[in-house]
Structure formats: structure tokens, C-alpha cells
Amino acid sequence: MTLQEMLDKTPTQWKPVVTQYGPALVAMTAQQFADWLNLLVKGNTTEAFAALLTTPEATLGADAVNLAEWKKANDSQSENLAVQRAAAMAVLKILLGVVLAAAGL
């Protein structure tokens, strides 16, 4: 499949994505594409997109080059959310204790 064939079959809202990543996908051999899809299926999205973005055919945006920084920021955000969840659960447990005490249980 050529890039133009891919673009012809792509809905309008997704054409910018295909324009950016399509050249790298089209340049892959069948085995490389299968290996890349396997990474996605296994949930290794960071590794899959790192492989995609490092191909010579990829047309990268300036902010897409350093995946390590994106992963670090994402991991930091995940840690922050975990702390927030733990704090919310502690407050809910205290409130449950107050409600049970008020109810005489």
C-alpha cells in the first residue's frame, strides 16, 4: 500500500496522523509491521511508538522526539494520582467511621 492509498482510505479527521506516521508505516516490511503491531497488542505502546518515531521515514514534530521525557512526565503524573487516591480513601475511611459511630454501630 502506498501513502496516497492510505490517505485515500482515511477519514478526514485522521489524515494529519496518517500524514505524520504513514511514511514510516508504509516503509516497514510485513515482518516489521507485524512486530510493531505485536508491541501495541502487548501494551508496549512507548516502545512501539519509539520504534516508529526513530525510523528515517517518520516525519516528527519537534515535541515528539524525546519519548523519555514524555514517559517520565506520565510516570510522575501516575504517582501523583496514586497519592491522591490514597488520600481520598483515607478521608472516606474516616468519614465511614464517623457515620458508623453516629449510627451507633
PDB file of N, CA and C in Angstrom:
ATOM      1  N   MET A   1       0.853  -1.174   0.000  1.00  0.00           N
ATOM      2  CA  MET A   1       0.000   0.000   0.000  1.00  0.00           C
ATOM      3  C   MET A   1       0.901   1.239   0.000  1.00  0.00           C
ATOM      4  N   THR A   2       0.513   2.210  -0.781  1.00  0.00           N
ATOM      5  CA  THR A   2       1.264   3.466  -0.806  1.00  0.00           C
ATOM      6  C   THR A   2       0.677   4.437   0.202  1.00  0.00           C
ATOM      7  N   LEU A   3       1.418   5.490   0.487  1.00  0.00           N
ATOM      8  CA  LEU A   3       0.928   6.510   1.406  1.00  0.00           C
ATOM      9  C   LEU A   3      -0.340   7.153   0.855  1.00  0.00           C
ATOM     10  N   GLN A   4      -0.377   7.399  -0.438  1.00  0.00           N
ATOM     11  CA  GLN A   4      -1.566   8.021  -1.034  1.00  0.00           C
ATOM     12  C   GLN A   4      -2.783   7.113  -0.912  1.00  0.00           C
ATOM     13  N   GLU A   5      -2.605   5.812  -1.106  1.00  0.00           N
ATOM     14  CA  GLU A   5      -3.717   4.863  -0.936  1.00  0.00           C
ATOM     15  C   GLU A   5      -4.206   4.874   0.509  1.00  0.00           C
ATOM     16  N   MET A   6      -3.258   4.942   1.426  1.00  0.00           N
ATOM     17  CA  MET A   6      -3.620   5.000   2.838  1.00  0.00           C
ATOM     18  C   MET A   6      -4.406   6.276   3.131  1.00  0.00           C
ATOM     19  N   LEU A   7      -3.940   7.401   2.599  1.00  0.00           N
ATOM     20  CA  LEU A   7      -4.633   8.678   2.809  1.00  0.00           C
ATOM     21  C   LEU A   7      -6.018   8.670   2.183  1.00  0.00           C
ATOM     22  N   ASP A   8      -6.150   8.043   1.014  1.00  0.00           N
ATOM     23  CA  ASP A   8      -7.445   7.981   0.335  1.00  0.00           C
ATOM     24  C   ASP A   8      -8.479   7.220   1.156  1.00  0.00           C
ATOM     25  N   LYS A   9      -8.039   6.258   1.955  1.00  0.00           N
ATOM     26  CA  LYS A   9      -8.954   5.434   2.753  1.00  0.00           C
ATOM     27  C   LYS A   9      -9.126   5.959   4.174  1.00  0.00           C
ATOM     28  N   THR A  10      -8.497   7.081   4.474  1.00  0.00           N
ATOM     29  CA  THR A  10      -8.504   7.615   5.831  1.00  0.00           C
ATOM     30  C   THR A  10      -9.553   8.710   5.972  1.00  0.00           C
ATOM     31  N   PRO A  11     -10.356   8.665   7.054  1.00  0.00           N
ATOM     32  CA  PRO A  11     -11.301   9.764   7.300  1.00  0.00           C
ATOM     33  C   PRO A  11     -10.558  11.093   7.470  1.00  0.00           C
ATOM     34  N   THR A  12     -11.215  12.162   7.107  1.00  0.00           N
ATOM     35  CA  THR A  12     -10.593  13.489   7.090  1.00  0.00           C
ATOM     36  C   THR A  12      -9.922  13.833   8.412  1.00  0.00           C
ATOM     37  N   GLN A  13     -10.570  13.571   9.539  1.00  0.00           N
ATOM     38  CA  GLN A  13     -10.009  13.971  10.826  1.00  0.00           C
ATOM     39  C   GLN A  13      -8.727  13.215  11.171  1.00  0.00           C
ATOM     40  N   TRP A  14      -8.465  12.078  10.533  1.00  0.00           N
ATOM     41  CA  TRP A  14      -7.274  11.288  10.825  1.00  0.00           C
ATOM     42  C   TRP A  14      -6.160  11.484   9.806  1.00  0.00           C
ATOM     43  N   LYS A  15      -6.418  12.255   8.754  1.00  0.00           N
ATOM     44  CA  LYS A  15      -5.395  12.463   7.717  1.00  0.00           C
ATOM     45  C   LYS A  15      -4.103  13.081   8.262  1.00  0.00           C
ATOM     46  N   PRO A  16      -4.155  14.051   9.186  1.00  0.00           N
ATOM     47  CA  PRO A  16      -2.889  14.568   9.724  1.00  0.00           C
ATOM     48  C   PRO A  16      -2.044  13.494  10.422  1.00  0.00           C
ATOM     49  N   VAL A  17      -2.706  12.568  11.094  1.00  0.00           N
ATOM     50  CA  VAL A  17      -1.984  11.484  11.776  1.00  0.00           C
ATOM     51  C   VAL A  17      -1.331  10.575  10.743  1.00  0.00           C
ATOM     52  N   VAL A  18      -2.086  10.229   9.708  1.00  0.00           N
ATOM     53  CA  VAL A  18      -1.531   9.364   8.663  1.00  0.00           C
ATOM     54  C   VAL A  18      -0.410  10.080   7.916  1.00  0.00           C
ATOM     55  N   THR A  19      -0.561  11.373   7.710  1.00  0.00           N
ATOM     56  CA  THR A  19       0.494  12.144   7.047  1.00  0.00           C
ATOM     57  C   THR A  19       1.770  12.115   7.871  1.00  0.00           C
ATOM     58  N   GLN A  20       1.630  12.183   9.199  1.00  0.00           N
ATOM     59  CA  GLN A  20       2.810  12.200  10.063  1.00  0.00           C
ATOM     60  C   GLN A  20       3.455  10.824  10.191  1.00  0.00           C
ATOM     61  N   TYR A  21       2.652   9.788  10.440  1.00  0.00           N
ATOM     62  CA  TYR A  21       3.211   8.469  10.733  1.00  0.00           C
ATOM     63  C   TYR A  21       3.141   7.497   9.554  1.00  0.00           C
ATOM     64  N   GLY A  22       2.339   7.821   8.552  1.00  0.00           N
ATOM     65  CA  GLY A  22       2.162   6.932   7.409  1.00  0.00           C
ATOM     66  C   GLY A  22       3.440   6.556   6.689  1.00  0.00           C
ATOM     67  N   PRO A  23       4.337   7.520   6.416  1.00  0.00           N
ATOM     68  CA  PRO A  23       5.567   7.141   5.700  1.00  0.00           C
ATOM     69  C   PRO A  23       6.364   6.048   6.416  1.00  0.00           C
ATOM     70  N   ALA A  24       6.424   6.121   7.728  1.00  0.00           N
ATOM     71  CA  ALA A  24       7.164   5.094   8.482  1.00  0.00           C
ATOM     72  C   ALA A  24       6.446   3.756   8.406  1.00  0.00           C
ATOM     73  N   LEU A  25       5.120   3.762   8.482  1.00  0.00           N
ATOM     74  CA  LEU A  25       4.364   2.509   8.419  1.00  0.00           C
ATOM     75  C   LEU A  25       4.453   1.884   7.035  1.00  0.00           C
ATOM     76  N   VAL A  26       4.334   2.708   6.000  1.00  0.00           N
ATOM     77  CA  VAL A  26       4.394   2.204   4.632  1.00  0.00           C
ATOM     78  C   VAL A  26       5.777   1.628   4.325  1.00  0.00           C
ATOM     79  N   ALA A  27       6.820   2.199   4.904  1.00  0.00           N
ATOM     80  CA  ALA A  27       8.185   1.749   4.631  1.00  0.00           C
ATOM     81  C   ALA A  27       8.536   0.442   5.340  1.00  0.00           C
ATOM     82  N   MET A  28       7.716   0.028   6.304  1.00  0.00           N
ATOM     83  CA  MET A  28       8.003  -1.201   7.045  1.00  0.00           C
ATOM     84  C   MET A  28       7.772  -2.428   6.164  1.00  0.00           C
ATOM     85  N   THR A  29       8.582  -3.449   6.409  1.00  0.00           N
ATOM     86  CA  THR A  29       8.313  -4.739   5.785  1.00  0.00           C
ATOM     87  C   THR A  29       7.131  -5.365   6.518  1.00  0.00           C
ATOM     88  N   ALA A  30       6.581  -6.414   5.960  1.00  0.00           N
ATOM     89  CA  ALA A  30       5.452  -7.092   6.602  1.00  0.00           C
ATOM     90  C   ALA A  30       5.841  -7.590   7.995  1.00  0.00           C
ATOM     91  N   GLN A  31       7.068  -8.111   8.140  1.00  0.00           N
ATOM     92  CA  GLN A  31       7.517  -8.620   9.438  1.00  0.00           C
ATOM     93  C   GLN A  31       7.703  -7.486  10.441  1.00  0.00           C
ATOM     94  N   GLN A  32       8.288  -6.354   9.998  1.00  0.00           N
ATOM     95  CA  GLN A  32       8.456  -5.211  10.888  1.00  0.00           C
ATOM     96  C   GLN A  32       7.101  -4.691  11.359  1.00  0.00           C
ATOM     97  N   PHE A  33       6.146  -4.643  10.448  1.00  0.00           N
ATOM     98  CA  PHE A  33       4.808  -4.173  10.807  1.00  0.00           C
ATOM     99  C   PHE A  33       4.152  -5.133  11.794  1.00  0.00           C
ATOM    100  N   ALA A  34       4.303  -6.431  11.563  1.00  0.00           N
ATOM    101  CA  ALA A  34       3.743  -7.428  12.483  1.00  0.00           C
ATOM    102  C   ALA A  34       4.386  -7.303  13.863  1.00  0.00           C
ATOM    103  N   ASP A  35       5.707  -7.106  13.894  1.00  0.00           N
ATOM    104  CA  ASP A  35       6.400  -6.931  15.175  1.00  0.00           C
ATOM    105  C   ASP A  35       5.910  -5.669  15.879  1.00  0.00           C
ATOM    106  N   TRP A  36       5.715  -4.597  15.113  1.00  0.00           N
ATOM    107  CA  TRP A  36       5.236  -3.325  15.675  1.00  0.00           C
ATOM    108  C   TRP A  36       3.825  -3.484  16.244  1.00  0.00           C
ATOM    109  N   LEU A  37       2.947  -4.140  15.493  1.00  0.00           N
ATOM    110  CA  LEU A  37       1.584  -4.389  15.989  1.00  0.00           C
ATOM    111  C   LEU A  37       1.605  -5.255  17.240  1.00  0.00           C
ATOM    112  N   ASN A  38       2.506  -6.221  17.280  1.00  0.00           N
ATOM    113  CA  ASN A  38       2.623  -7.096  18.446  1.00  0.00           C
ATOM    114  C   ASN A  38       2.981  -6.289  19.702  1.00  0.00           C
ATOM    115  N   LEU A  39       3.861  -5.291  19.531  1.00  0.00           N
ATOM    116  CA  LEU A  39       4.192  -4.422  20.668  1.00  0.00           C
ATOM    117  C   LEU A  39       2.945  -3.693  21.166  1.00  0.00           C
ATOM    118  N   LEU A  40       2.146  -3.192  20.231  1.00  0.00           N
ATOM    119  CA  LEU A  40       0.919  -2.483  20.619  1.00  0.00           C
ATOM    120  C   LEU A  40      -0.056  -3.410  21.327  1.00  0.00           C
ATOM    121  N   VAL A  41      -0.231  -4.607  20.786  1.00  0.00           N
ATOM    122  CA  VAL A  41      -1.171  -5.567  21.374  1.00  0.00           C
ATOM    123  C   VAL A  41      -0.756  -5.937  22.789  1.00  0.00           C
ATOM    124  N   LYS A  42       0.556  -6.059  23.015  1.00  0.00           N
ATOM    125  CA  LYS A  42       1.065  -6.417  24.341  1.00  0.00           C
ATOM    126  C   LYS A  42       1.034  -5.237  25.311  1.00  0.00           C
ATOM    127  N   GLY A  43       0.689  -4.044  24.806  1.00  0.00           N
ATOM    128  CA  GLY A  43       0.628  -2.878  25.674  1.00  0.00           C
ATOM    129  C   GLY A  43       1.930  -2.111  25.773  1.00  0.00           C
ATOM    130  N   ASN A  44       2.908  -2.457  24.960  1.00  0.00           N
ATOM    131  CA  ASN A  44       4.194  -1.758  24.965  1.00  0.00           C
ATOM    132  C   ASN A  44       4.134  -0.550  24.031  1.00  0.00           C
ATOM    133  N   THR A  45       3.213   0.362  24.318  1.00  0.00           N
ATOM    134  CA  THR A  45       2.997   1.484  23.404  1.00  0.00           C
ATOM    135  C   THR A  45       4.194   2.418  23.340  1.00  0.00           C
ATOM    136  N   THR A  46       4.871   2.635  24.452  1.00  0.00           N
ATOM    137  CA  THR A  46       6.042   3.515  24.440  1.00  0.00           C
ATOM    138  C   THR A  46       7.112   2.951  23.522  1.00  0.00           C
ATOM    139  N   GLU A  47       7.377   1.665  23.644  1.00  0.00           N
ATOM    140  CA  GLU A  47       8.381   1.018  22.796  1.00  0.00           C
ATOM    141  C   GLU A  47       7.952   1.025  21.327  1.00  0.00           C
ATOM    142  N   ALA A  48       6.657   0.785  21.087  1.00  0.00           N
ATOM    143  CA  ALA A  48       6.152   0.756  19.711  1.00  0.00           C
ATOM    144  C   ALA A  48       6.303   2.118  19.049  1.00  0.00           C
ATOM    145  N   PHE A  49       5.897   3.174  19.744  1.00  0.00           N
ATOM    146  CA  PHE A  49       5.991   4.490  19.135  1.00  0.00           C
ATOM    147  C   PHE A  49       7.423   4.999  19.088  1.00  0.00           C
ATOM    148  N   ALA A  50       8.264   4.543  20.004  1.00  0.00           N
ATOM    149  CA  ALA A  50       9.684   4.892  19.914  1.00  0.00           C
ATOM    150  C   ALA A  50      10.271   4.274  18.650  1.00  0.00           C
ATOM    151  N   ALA A  51       9.902   3.027  18.368  1.00  0.00           N
ATOM    152  CA  ALA A  51      10.386   2.366  17.152  1.00  0.00           C
ATOM    153  C   ALA A  51       9.861   3.077  15.913  1.00  0.00           C
ATOM    154  N   LEU A  52       8.620   3.483  15.962  1.00  0.00           N
ATOM    155  CA  LEU A  52       8.021   4.177  14.818  1.00  0.00           C
ATOM    156  C   LEU A  52       8.663   5.543  14.592  1.00  0.00           C
ATOM    157  N   LEU A  53       8.881   6.267  15.670  1.00  0.00           N
ATOM    158  CA  LEU A  53       9.395   7.627  15.549  1.00  0.00           C
ATOM    159  C   LEU A  53      10.875   7.695  15.205  1.00  0.00           C
ATOM    160  N   THR A  54      11.584   6.607  15.413  1.00  0.00           N
ATOM    161  CA  THR A  54      13.018   6.634  15.126  1.00  0.00           C
ATOM    162  C   THR A  54      13.341   6.146  13.719  1.00  0.00           C
ATOM    163  N   THR A  55      12.321   5.802  12.934  1.00  0.00           N
ATOM    164  CA  THR A  55      12.598   5.393  11.556  1.00  0.00           C
ATOM    165  C   THR A  55      12.932   6.623  10.726  1.00  0.00           C
ATOM    166  N   PRO A  56      13.779   6.467   9.722  1.00  0.00           N
ATOM    167  CA  PRO A  56      14.143   7.618   8.892  1.00  0.00           C
ATOM    168  C   PRO A  56      12.947   8.215   8.149  1.00  0.00           C
ATOM    169  N   GLU A  57      11.906   7.398   7.922  1.00  0.00           N
ATOM    170  CA  GLU A  57      10.747   7.869   7.161  1.00  0.00           C
ATOM    171  C   GLU A  57       9.776   8.691   8.000  1.00  0.00           C
ATOM    172  N   ALA A  58       9.893   8.618   9.315  1.00  0.00           N
ATOM    173  CA  ALA A  58       8.941   9.321  10.192  1.00  0.00           C
ATOM    174  C   ALA A  58       9.149  10.826  10.075  1.00  0.00           C
ATOM    175  N   THR A  59       8.035  11.532   9.962  1.00  0.00           N
ATOM    176  CA  THR A  59       8.101  12.997   9.964  1.00  0.00           C
ATOM    177  C   THR A  59       7.689  13.432  11.353  1.00  0.00           C
ATOM    178  N   LEU A  60       8.665  13.780  12.148  1.00  0.00           N
ATOM    179  CA  LEU A  60       8.445  14.038  13.559  1.00  0.00           C
ATOM    180  C   LEU A  60       8.137  15.497  13.821  1.00  0.00           C
ATOM    181  N   GLY A  61       7.238  15.698  14.753  1.00  0.00           N
ATOM    182  CA  GLY A  61       7.043  17.034  15.273  1.00  0.00           C
ATOM    183  C   GLY A  61       8.147  17.311  16.277  1.00  0.00           C
ATOM    184  N   ALA A  62       8.418  18.561  16.549  1.00  0.00           N
ATOM    185  CA  ALA A  62       9.511  18.913  17.464  1.00  0.00           C
ATOM    186  C   ALA A  62       9.294  18.332  18.851  1.00  0.00           C
ATOM    187  N   ASP A  63       8.033  18.206  19.267  1.00  0.00           N
ATOM    188  CA  ASP A  63       7.761  17.726  20.619  1.00  0.00           C
ATOM    189  C   ASP A  63       7.678  16.210  20.702  1.00  0.00           C
ATOM    190  N   ALA A  64       7.820  15.496  19.600  1.00  0.00           N
ATOM    191  CA  ALA A  64       7.669  14.041  19.624  1.00  0.00           C
ATOM    192  C   ALA A  64       9.007  13.321  19.700  1.00  0.00           C
ATOM    193  N   VAL A  65      10.096  14.058  19.683  1.00  0.00           N
ATOM    194  CA  VAL A  65      11.409  13.433  19.584  1.00  0.00           C
ATOM    195  C   VAL A  65      11.815  12.731  20.869  1.00  0.00           C
ATOM    196  N   ASN A  66      11.595  13.339  22.017  1.00  0.00           N
ATOM    197  CA  ASN A  66      12.103  12.768  23.251  1.00  0.00           C
ATOM    198  C   ASN A  66      11.010  12.040  24.023  1.00  0.00           C
ATOM    199  N   LEU A  67      10.857  10.765  23.710  1.00  0.00           N
ATOM    200  CA  LEU A  67       9.837   9.963  24.388  1.00  0.00           C
ATOM    201  C   LEU A  67      10.167   9.727  25.849  1.00  0.00           C
ATOM    202  N   ALA A  68      11.449   9.750  26.194  1.00  0.00           N
ATOM    203  CA  ALA A  68      11.838   9.526  27.583  1.00  0.00           C
ATOM    204  C   ALA A  68      11.261  10.612  28.484  1.00  0.00           C
ATOM    205  N   GLU A  69      11.275  11.858  28.014  1.00  0.00           N
ATOM    206  CA  GLU A  69      10.701  12.943  28.808  1.00  0.00           C
ATOM    207  C   GLU A  69       9.198  12.775  28.959  1.00  0.00           C
ATOM    208  N   TRP A  70       8.537  12.368  27.876  1.00  0.00           N
ATOM    209  CA  TRP A  70       7.085  12.139  27.944  1.00  0.00           C
ATOM    210  C   TRP A  70       6.780  11.023  28.943  1.00  0.00           C
ATOM    211  N   LYS A  71       7.555   9.940  28.891  1.00  0.00           N
ATOM    212  CA  LYS A  71       7.322   8.816  29.813  1.00  0.00           C
ATOM    213  C   LYS A  71       7.567   9.248  31.250  1.00  0.00           C
ATOM    214  N   LYS A  72       8.622  10.022  31.485  1.00  0.00           N
ATOM    215  CA  LYS A  72       8.930  10.496  32.839  1.00  0.00           C
ATOM    216  C   LYS A  72       7.781  11.353  33.377  1.00  0.00           C
ATOM    217  N   ALA A  73       7.264  12.240  32.553  1.00  0.00           N
ATOM    218  CA  ALA A  73       6.144  13.087  32.970  1.00  0.00           C
ATOM    219  C   ALA A  73       4.898  12.249  33.229  1.00  0.00           C
ATOM    220  N   ASN A  74       4.655  11.254  32.392  1.00  0.00           N
ATOM    221  CA  ASN A  74       3.499  10.387  32.568  1.00  0.00           C
ATOM    222  C   ASN A  74       3.618   9.569  33.854  1.00  0.00           C
ATOM    223  N   ASP A  75       4.805   9.039  34.108  1.00  0.00           N
ATOM    224  CA  ASP A  75       5.026   8.269  35.334  1.00  0.00           C
ATOM    225  C   ASP A  75       4.847   9.151  36.568  1.00  0.00           C
ATOM    226  N   SER A  76       5.331  10.373  36.503  1.00  0.00           N
ATOM    227  CA  SER A  76       5.182  11.317  37.614  1.00  0.00           C
ATOM    228  C   SER A  76       3.705  11.601  37.874  1.00  0.00           C
ATOM    229  N   GLN A  77       2.959  11.799  36.786  1.00  0.00           N
ATOM    230  CA  GLN A  77       1.525  12.051  36.927  1.00  0.00           C
ATOM    231  C   GLN A  77       0.815  10.842  37.526  1.00  0.00           C
ATOM    232  N   SER A  78       1.225   9.643  37.122  1.00  0.00           N
ATOM    233  CA  SER A  78       0.635   8.421  37.677  1.00  0.00           C
ATOM    234  C   SER A  78       0.891   8.325  39.176  1.00  0.00           C
ATOM    235  N   GLU A  79       2.107   8.681  39.593  1.00  0.00           N
ATOM    236  CA  GLU A  79       2.430   8.662  41.022  1.00  0.00           C
ATOM    237  C   GLU A  79       1.582   9.673  41.779  1.00  0.00           C
ATOM    238  N   ASN A  80       1.401  10.857  41.203  1.00  0.00           N
ATOM    239  CA  ASN A  80       0.566  11.875  41.839  1.00  0.00           C
ATOM    240  C   ASN A  80      -0.871  11.392  41.998  1.00  0.00           C
ATOM    241  N   LEU A  81      -1.393  10.734  40.980  1.00  0.00           N
ATOM    242  CA  LEU A  81      -2.758  10.216  41.063  1.00  0.00           C
ATOM    243  C   LEU A  81      -2.876   9.129  42.126  1.00  0.00           C
ATOM    244  N   ALA A  82      -1.864   8.305  42.260  1.00  0.00           N
ATOM    245  CA  ALA A  82      -1.886   7.254  43.280  1.00  0.00           C
ATOM    246  C   ALA A  82      -1.916   7.867  44.675  1.00  0.00           C
ATOM    247  N   VAL A  83      -1.146   8.926  44.900  1.00  0.00           N
ATOM    248  CA  VAL A  83      -1.147   9.614  46.194  1.00  0.00           C
ATOM    249  C   VAL A  83      -2.515  10.235  46.459  1.00  0.00           C
ATOM    250  N   GLN A  84      -3.099  10.848  45.428  1.00  0.00           N
ATOM    251  CA  GLN A  84      -4.420  11.455  45.582  1.00  0.00           C
ATOM    252  C   GLN A  84      -5.476  10.406  45.916  1.00  0.00           C
ATOM    253  N   ARG A  85      -5.398   9.248  45.246  1.00  0.00           N
ATOM    254  CA  ARG A  85      -6.355   8.169  45.539  1.00  0.00           C
ATOM    255  C   ARG A  85      -6.212   7.685  46.976  1.00  0.00           C
ATOM    256  N   ALA A  86      -4.980   7.509  47.416  1.00  0.00           N
ATOM    257  CA  ALA A  86      -4.734   7.038  48.781  1.00  0.00           C
ATOM    258  C   ALA A  86      -5.270   8.050  49.794  1.00  0.00           C
ATOM    259  N   ALA A  87      -5.067   9.335  49.542  1.00  0.00           N
ATOM    260  CA  ALA A  87      -5.572  10.370  50.452  1.00  0.00           C
ATOM    261  C   ALA A  87      -7.093  10.369  50.471  1.00  0.00           C
ATOM    262  N   ALA A  88      -7.698  10.222  49.311  1.00  0.00           N
ATOM    263  CA  ALA A  88      -9.170  10.192  49.249  1.00  0.00           C
ATOM    264  C   ALA A  88      -9.718   8.977  49.997  1.00  0.00           C
ATOM    265  N   MET A  89      -9.058   7.832  49.850  1.00  0.00           N
ATOM    266  CA  MET A  89      -9.513   6.629  50.571  1.00  0.00           C
ATOM    267  C   MET A  89      -9.378   6.806  52.079  1.00  0.00           C
ATOM    268  N   ALA A  90      -8.323   7.452  52.540  1.00  0.00           N
ATOM    269  CA  ALA A  90      -8.144   7.695  53.974  1.00  0.00           C
ATOM    270  C   ALA A  90      -9.262   8.582  54.499  1.00  0.00           C
ATOM    271  N   VAL A  91      -9.593   9.630  53.762  1.00  0.00           N
ATOM    272  CA  VAL A  91     -10.688  10.525  54.178  1.00  0.00           C
ATOM    273  C   VAL A  91     -12.004   9.768  54.201  1.00  0.00           C
ATOM    274  N   LEU A  92     -12.257   8.953  53.184  1.00  0.00           N
ATOM    275  CA  LEU A  92     -13.509   8.187  53.141  1.00  0.00           C
ATOM    276  C   LEU A  92     -13.599   7.192  54.301  1.00  0.00           C
ATOM    277  N   LYS A  93     -12.482   6.579  54.682  1.00  0.00           N
ATOM    278  CA  LYS A  93     -12.493   5.647  55.806  1.00  0.00           C
ATOM    279  C   LYS A  93     -12.815   6.376  57.114  1.00  0.00           C
ATOM    280  N   ILE A  94     -12.264   7.576  57.269  1.00  0.00           N
ATOM    281  CA  ILE A  94     -12.550   8.361  58.466  1.00  0.00           C
ATOM    282  C   ILE A  94     -14.027   8.738  58.490  1.00  0.00           C
ATOM    283  N   LEU A  95     -14.539   9.177  57.332  1.00  0.00           N
ATOM    284  CA  LEU A  95     -15.963   9.532  57.260  1.00  0.00           C
ATOM    285  C   LEU A  95     -16.858   8.343  57.541  1.00  0.00           C
ATOM    286  N   LEU A  96     -16.474   7.183  57.058  1.00  0.00           N
ATOM    287  CA  LEU A  96     -17.249   5.971  57.322  1.00  0.00           C
ATOM    288  C   LEU A  96     -17.257   5.672  58.824  1.00  0.00           C
ATOM    289  N   GLY A  97     -16.112   5.821  59.464  1.00  0.00           N
ATOM    290  CA  GLY A  97     -16.040   5.622  60.903  1.00  0.00           C
ATOM    291  C   GLY A  97     -16.935   6.595  61.661  1.00  0.00           C
ATOM    292  N   VAL A  98     -16.938   7.860  61.227  1.00  0.00           N
ATOM    293  CA  VAL A  98     -17.785   8.868  61.863  1.00  0.00           C
ATOM    294  C   VAL A  98     -19.260   8.511  61.682  1.00  0.00           C
ATOM    295  N   VAL A  99     -19.631   8.131  60.476  1.00  0.00           N
ATOM    296  CA  VAL A  99     -21.042   7.783  60.201  1.00  0.00           C
ATOM    297  C   VAL A  99     -21.435   6.558  61.023  1.00  0.00           C
ATOM    298  N   LEU A 100     -20.588   5.550  61.077  1.00  0.00           N
ATOM    299  CA  LEU A 100     -20.907   4.339  61.853  1.00  0.00           C
ATOM    300  C   LEU A 100     -21.002   4.656  63.340  1.00  0.00           C
ATOM    301  N   ALA A 101     -20.124   5.526  63.847  1.00  0.00           N
ATOM    302  CA  ALA A 101     -20.196   5.918  65.246  1.00  0.00           C
ATOM    303  C   ALA A 101     -21.461   6.685  65.533  1.00  0.00           C
ATOM    304  N   ALA A 102     -21.838   7.563  64.605  1.00  0.00           N
ATOM    305  CA  ALA A 102     -23.068   8.352  64.794  1.00  0.00           C
ATOM    306  C   ALA A 102     -24.300   7.458  64.764  1.00  0.00           C
ATOM    307  N   ALA A 103     -24.230   6.399  63.993  1.00  0.00           N
ATOM    308  CA  ALA A 103     -25.359   5.484  63.882  1.00  0.00           C
ATOM    309  C   ALA A 103     -25.366   4.478  65.041  1.00  0.00           C
ATOM    310  N   GLY A 104     -24.308   4.483  65.821  1.00  0.00           N
ATOM    311  CA  GLY A 104     -24.242   3.578  66.970  1.00  0.00           C
ATOM    312  C   GLY A 104     -23.812   2.180  66.590  1.00  0.00           C
ATOM    313  N   LEU A 105     -23.156   2.030  65.487  1.00  0.00           N
ATOM    314  CA  LEU A 105     -22.712   0.682  65.058  1.00  0.00           C
ATOM    315  C   LEU A 105     -21.285   0.426  65.424  1.00  0.00           C
TER     316      LEU A 105
END
